[in-house]
Amino acid sequence: MRSLKTNNARVLIINNNFLDELPTFLKIGMSIKLGDFGTLRLSLSSAPTAPEQFNA
């Protein structure tokens, strides 16, 4: 039983470290591949606006 608890603890540590580092990698423009879950990446898009619709 101890082995199972040790493995669970290791998985939690790895998971927490991954979640701590994830924003850093996304900020520098990296894509994070998560196997069957898909890929995480930051993106930003917008559409042009006519000058008369823009209020600064």
PDB file of N, CA and C in Angstrom:
ATOM      1  N   MET A   1       0.818  -1.200   0.000  1.00  0.00           N
ATOM      2  CA  MET A   1       0.000   0.000   0.000  1.00  0.00           C
ATOM      3  C   MET A   1       0.856   1.255   0.000  1.00  0.00           C
ATOM      4  N   ARG A   2       1.988   1.180   0.669  1.00  0.00           N
ATOM      5  CA  ARG A   2       2.873   2.348   0.727  1.00  0.00           C
ATOM      6  C   ARG A   2       3.335   2.754  -0.669  1.00  0.00           C
ATOM      7  N   SER A   3       3.595   1.767  -1.505  1.00  0.00           N
ATOM      8  CA  SER A   3       4.047   2.063  -2.868  1.00  0.00           C
ATOM      9  C   SER A   3       3.000   2.867  -3.634  1.00  0.00           C
ATOM     10  N   LEU A   4       1.741   2.521  -3.461  1.00  0.00           N
ATOM     11  CA  LEU A   4       0.666   3.242  -4.132  1.00  0.00           C
ATOM     12  C   LEU A   4       0.595   4.684  -3.651  1.00  0.00           C
ATOM     13  N   LYS A   5       0.727   4.895  -2.346  1.00  0.00           N
ATOM     14  CA  LYS A   5       0.712   6.251  -1.802  1.00  0.00           C
ATOM     15  C   LYS A   5       1.907   7.041  -2.300  1.00  0.00           C
ATOM     16  N   THR A   6       3.056   6.404  -2.392  1.00  0.00           N
ATOM     17  CA  THR A   6       4.255   7.076  -2.896  1.00  0.00           C
ATOM     18  C   THR A   6       4.070   7.473  -4.351  1.00  0.00           C
ATOM     19  N   ASN A   7       3.513   6.569  -5.146  1.00  0.00           N
ATOM     20  CA  ASN A   7       3.273   6.880  -6.565  1.00  0.00           C
ATOM     21  C   ASN A   7       2.256   8.006  -6.713  1.00  0.00           C
ATOM     22  N   ASN A   8       1.203   7.977  -5.907  1.00  0.00           N
ATOM     23  CA  ASN A   8       0.210   9.049  -5.960  1.00  0.00           C
ATOM     24  C   ASN A   8       0.840  10.391  -5.606  1.00  0.00           C
ATOM     25  N   ALA A   9       1.691  10.399  -4.604  1.00  0.00           N
ATOM     26  CA  ALA A   9       2.367  11.631  -4.196  1.00  0.00           C
ATOM     27  C   ALA A   9       3.259  12.150  -5.324  1.00  0.00           C
ATOM     28  N   ARG A  10       3.951  11.249  -5.982  1.00  0.00           N
ATOM     29  CA  ARG A  10       4.828  11.654  -7.095  1.00  0.00           C
ATOM     30  C   ARG A  10       4.015  12.243  -8.240  1.00  0.00           C
ATOM     31  N   VAL A  11       2.889  11.620  -8.551  1.00  0.00           N
ATOM     32  CA  VAL A  11       2.026  12.128  -9.623  1.00  0.00           C
ATOM     33  C   VAL A  11       1.525  13.528  -9.261  1.00  0.00           C
ATOM     34  N   LEU A  12       1.126  13.726  -8.014  1.00  0.00           N
ATOM     35  CA  LEU A  12       0.650  15.043  -7.590  1.00  0.00           C
ATOM     36  C   LEU A  12       1.750  16.091  -7.687  1.00  0.00           C
ATOM     37  N   ILE A  13       2.966  15.734  -7.309  1.00  0.00           N
ATOM     38  CA  ILE A  13       4.085  16.669  -7.386  1.00  0.00           C
ATOM     39  C   ILE A  13       4.367  17.040  -8.842  1.00  0.00           C
ATOM     40  N   ILE A  14       4.383  16.042  -9.704  1.00  0.00           N
ATOM     41  CA  ILE A  14       4.643  16.296 -11.129  1.00  0.00           C
ATOM     42  C   ILE A  14       3.532  17.170 -11.712  1.00  0.00           C
ATOM     43  N   ASN A  15       2.291  16.849 -11.368  1.00  0.00           N
ATOM     44  CA  ASN A  15       1.157  17.622 -11.861  1.00  0.00           C
ATOM     45  C   ASN A  15       1.228  19.071 -11.385  1.00  0.00           C
ATOM     46  N   ASN A  16       1.526  19.272 -10.121  1.00  0.00           N
ATOM     47  CA  ASN A  16       1.632  20.633  -9.584  1.00  0.00           C
ATOM     48  C   ASN A  16       2.760  21.409 -10.242  1.00  0.00           C
ATOM     49  N   ASN A  17       3.892  20.759 -10.458  1.00  0.00           N
ATOM     50  CA  ASN A  17       5.013  21.429 -11.126  1.00  0.00           C
ATOM     51  C   ASN A  17       4.648  21.796 -12.559  1.00  0.00           C
ATOM     52  N   PHE A  18       3.953  20.901 -13.236  1.00  0.00           N
ATOM     53  CA  PHE A  18       3.508  21.174 -14.601  1.00  0.00           C
ATOM     54  C   PHE A  18       2.587  22.398 -14.620  1.00  0.00           C
ATOM     55  N   LEU A  19       1.624  22.436 -13.710  1.00  0.00           N
ATOM     56  CA  LEU A  19       0.688  23.554 -13.667  1.00  0.00           C
ATOM     57  C   LEU A  19       1.371  24.860 -13.283  1.00  0.00           C
ATOM     58  N   ASP A  20       2.420  24.784 -12.461  1.00  0.00           N
ATOM     59  CA  ASP A  20       3.178  25.983 -12.105  1.00  0.00           C
ATOM     60  C   ASP A  20       3.949  26.538 -13.290  1.00  0.00           C
ATOM     61  N   GLU A  21       4.482  25.661 -14.131  1.00  0.00           N
ATOM     62  CA  GLU A  21       5.319  26.079 -15.256  1.00  0.00           C
ATOM     63  C   GLU A  21       4.528  26.369 -16.527  1.00  0.00           C
ATOM     64  N   LEU A  22       3.331  25.859 -16.626  1.00  0.00           N
ATOM     65  CA  LEU A  22       2.527  26.014 -17.838  1.00  0.00           C
ATOM     66  C   LEU A  22       2.400  27.467 -18.303  1.00  0.00           C
ATOM     67  N   PRO A  23       2.049  28.420 -17.441  1.00  0.00           N
ATOM     68  CA  PRO A  23       1.934  29.813 -17.904  1.00  0.00           C
ATOM     69  C   PRO A  23       3.237  30.373 -18.484  1.00  0.00           C
ATOM     70  N   THR A  24       4.356  29.966 -17.919  1.00  0.00           N
ATOM     71  CA  THR A  24       5.650  30.447 -18.418  1.00  0.00           C
ATOM     72  C   THR A  24       5.854  30.031 -19.868  1.00  0.00           C
ATOM     73  N   PHE A  25       5.588  28.780 -20.162  1.00  0.00           N
ATOM     74  CA  PHE A  25       5.778  28.289 -21.525  1.00  0.00           C
ATOM     75  C   PHE A  25       4.780  28.920 -22.490  1.00  0.00           C
ATOM     76  N   LEU A  26       3.556  29.117 -22.050  1.00  0.00           N
ATOM     77  CA  LEU A  26       2.558  29.747 -22.911  1.00  0.00           C
ATOM     78  C   LEU A  26       2.917  31.207 -23.182  1.00  0.00           C
ATOM     79  N   LYS A  27       3.458  31.909 -22.181  1.00  0.00           N
ATOM     80  CA  LYS A  27       3.830  33.321 -22.359  1.00  0.00           C
ATOM     81  C   LYS A  27       4.921  33.505 -23.398  1.00  0.00           C
ATOM     82  N   ILE A  28       5.832  32.532 -23.507  1.00  0.00           N
ATOM     83  CA  ILE A  28       6.922  32.676 -24.481  1.00  0.00           C
ATOM     84  C   ILE A  28       6.531  32.126 -25.851  1.00  0.00           C
ATOM     85  N   GLY A  29       5.250  31.759 -26.004  1.00  0.00           N
ATOM     86  CA  GLY A  29       4.755  31.374 -27.320  1.00  0.00           C
ATOM     87  C   GLY A  29       4.816  29.907 -27.656  1.00  0.00           C
ATOM     88  N   MET A  30       5.103  29.073 -26.679  1.00  0.00           N
ATOM     89  CA  MET A  30       5.177  27.646 -26.951  1.00  0.00           C
ATOM     90  C   MET A  30       3.779  27.035 -26.985  1.00  0.00           C
ATOM     91  N   SER A  31       3.617  25.997 -27.779  1.00  0.00           N
ATOM     92  CA  SER A  31       2.405  25.180 -27.772  1.00  0.00           C
ATOM     93  C   SER A  31       2.683  23.971 -26.886  1.00  0.00           C
ATOM     94  N   ILE A  32       1.729  23.607 -26.078  1.00  0.00           N
ATOM     95  CA  ILE A  32       1.884  22.486 -25.165  1.00  0.00           C
ATOM     96  C   ILE A  32       1.003  21.345 -25.666  1.00  0.00           C
ATOM     97  N   LYS A  33       1.641  20.266 -26.113  1.00  0.00           N
ATOM     98  CA  LYS A  33       0.904  19.104 -26.610  1.00  0.00           C
ATOM     99  C   LYS A  33       0.550  18.197 -25.438  1.00  0.00           C
ATOM    100  N   LEU A  34      -0.739  17.875 -25.326  1.00  0.00           N
ATOM    101  CA  LEU A  34      -1.226  17.053 -24.220  1.00  0.00           C
ATOM    102  C   LEU A  34      -1.813  15.737 -24.729  1.00  0.00           C
ATOM    103  N   GLY A  35      -1.177  15.168 -25.717  1.00  0.00           N
ATOM    104  CA  GLY A  35      -1.619  13.878 -26.240  1.00  0.00           C
ATOM    105  C   GLY A  35      -3.050  13.933 -26.738  1.00  0.00           C
ATOM    106  N   ASP A  36      -3.878  13.011 -26.254  1.00  0.00           N
ATOM    107  CA  ASP A  36      -5.273  12.923 -26.691  1.00  0.00           C
ATOM    108  C   ASP A  36      -6.118  14.106 -26.229  1.00  0.00           C
ATOM    109  N   PHE A  37      -5.633  14.863 -25.251  1.00  0.00           N
ATOM    110  CA  PHE A  37      -6.380  16.023 -24.773  1.00  0.00           C
ATOM    111  C   PHE A  37      -6.319  17.187 -25.758  1.00  0.00           C
ATOM    112  N   GLY A  38      -5.304  17.235 -26.597  1.00  0.00           N
ATOM    113  CA  GLY A  38      -5.156  18.322 -27.558  1.00  0.00           C
ATOM    114  C   GLY A  38      -3.918  19.145 -27.293  1.00  0.00           C
ATOM    115  N   THR A  39      -3.908  20.370 -27.775  1.00  0.00           N
ATOM    116  CA  THR A  39      -2.770  21.270 -27.659  1.00  0.00           C
ATOM    117  C   THR A  39      -3.232  22.590 -27.060  1.00  0.00           C
ATOM    118  N   LEU A  40      -2.445  23.097 -26.118  1.00  0.00           N
ATOM    119  CA  LEU A  40      -2.716  24.408 -25.527  1.00  0.00           C
ATOM    120  C   LEU A  40      -1.777  25.434 -26.120  1.00  0.00           C
ATOM    121  N   ARG A  41      -2.311  26.586 -26.485  1.00  0.00           N
ATOM    122  CA  ARG A  41      -1.479  27.708 -26.919  1.00  0.00           C
ATOM    123  C   ARG A  41      -2.299  28.975 -26.759  1.00  0.00           C
ATOM    124  N   LEU A  42      -1.613  30.063 -26.537  1.00  0.00           N
ATOM    125  CA  LEU A  42      -2.280  31.353 -26.438  1.00  0.00           C
ATOM    126  C   LEU A  42      -2.396  31.967 -27.821  1.00  0.00           C
ATOM    127  N   SER A  43      -3.530  32.568 -28.091  1.00  0.00           N
ATOM    128  CA  SER A  43      -3.678  33.288 -29.352  1.00  0.00           C
ATOM    129  C   SER A  43      -4.597  34.476 -29.117  1.00  0.00           C
ATOM    130  N   LEU A  44      -4.429  35.460 -29.950  1.00  0.00           N
ATOM    131  CA  LEU A  44      -5.218  36.676 -29.871  1.00  0.00           C
ATOM    132  C   LEU A  44      -5.578  37.079 -31.286  1.00  0.00           C
ATOM    133  N   SER A  45      -6.822  37.414 -31.480  1.00  0.00           N
ATOM    134  CA  SER A  45      -7.221  37.863 -32.806  1.00  0.00           C
ATOM    135  C   SER A  45      -8.253  38.970 -32.657  1.00  0.00           C
ATOM    136  N   SER A  46      -8.366  39.757 -33.700  1.00  0.00           N
ATOM    137  CA  SER A  46      -9.344  40.844 -33.708  1.00  0.00           C
ATOM    138  C   SER A  46      -9.722  41.146 -35.149  1.00  0.00           C
ATOM    139  N   ALA A  47     -10.798  41.870 -35.285  1.00  0.00           N
ATOM    140  CA  ALA A  47     -11.229  42.304 -36.607  1.00  0.00           C
ATOM    141  C   ALA A  47     -11.049  43.814 -36.692  1.00  0.00           C
ATOM    142  N   PRO A  48     -10.743  44.332 -37.861  1.00  0.00           N
ATOM    143  CA  PRO A  48     -10.591  45.784 -37.990  1.00  0.00           C
ATOM    144  C   PRO A  48     -11.913  46.510 -37.721  1.00  0.00           C
ATOM    145  N   THR A  49     -11.802  47.711 -37.198  1.00  0.00           N
ATOM    146  CA  THR A  49     -12.967  48.540 -36.904  1.00  0.00           C
ATOM    147  C   THR A  49     -12.861  49.832 -37.702  1.00  0.00           C
ATOM    148  N   ALA A  50     -13.986  50.263 -38.204  1.00  0.00           N
ATOM    149  CA  ALA A  50     -14.004  51.536 -38.936  1.00  0.00           C
ATOM    150  C   ALA A  50     -13.646  52.667 -37.971  1.00  0.00           C
ATOM    151  N   PRO A  51     -12.886  53.658 -38.424  1.00  0.00           N
ATOM    152  CA  PRO A  51     -12.451  54.757 -37.522  1.00  0.00           C
ATOM    153  C   PRO A  51     -13.601  55.428 -36.801  1.00  0.00           C
ATOM    154  N   GLU A  52     -14.744  55.585 -37.430  1.00  0.00           N
ATOM    155  CA  GLU A  52     -15.860  56.287 -36.767  1.00  0.00           C
ATOM    156  C   GLU A  52     -16.477  55.448 -35.647  1.00  0.00           C
ATOM    157  N   GLN A  53     -16.216  54.163 -35.608  1.00  0.00           N
ATOM    158  CA  GLN A  53     -16.727  53.308 -34.536  1.00  0.00           C
ATOM    159  C   GLN A  53     -15.753  53.199 -33.366  1.00  0.00           C
ATOM    160  N   PHE A  54     -14.560  53.718 -33.537  1.00  0.00           N
ATOM    161  CA  PHE A  54     -13.530  53.590 -32.509  1.00  0.00           C
ATOM    162  C   PHE A  54     -13.589  54.773 -31.557  1.00  0.00           C
ATOM    163  N   ASN A  55     -13.700  54.504 -30.283  1.00  0.00           N
ATOM    164  CA  ASN A  55     -13.695  55.543 -29.259  1.00  0.00           C
ATOM    165  C   ASN A  55     -12.497  55.327 -28.347  1.00  0.00           C
ATOM    166  N   ALA A  56     -11.618  56.290 -28.291  1.00  0.00           N
ATOM    167  CA  ALA A  56     -10.435  56.157 -27.439  1.00  0.00           C
ATOM    168  C   ALA A  56     -10.655  56.806 -26.099  1.00  0.00           C
TER     169      ALA A  56
END
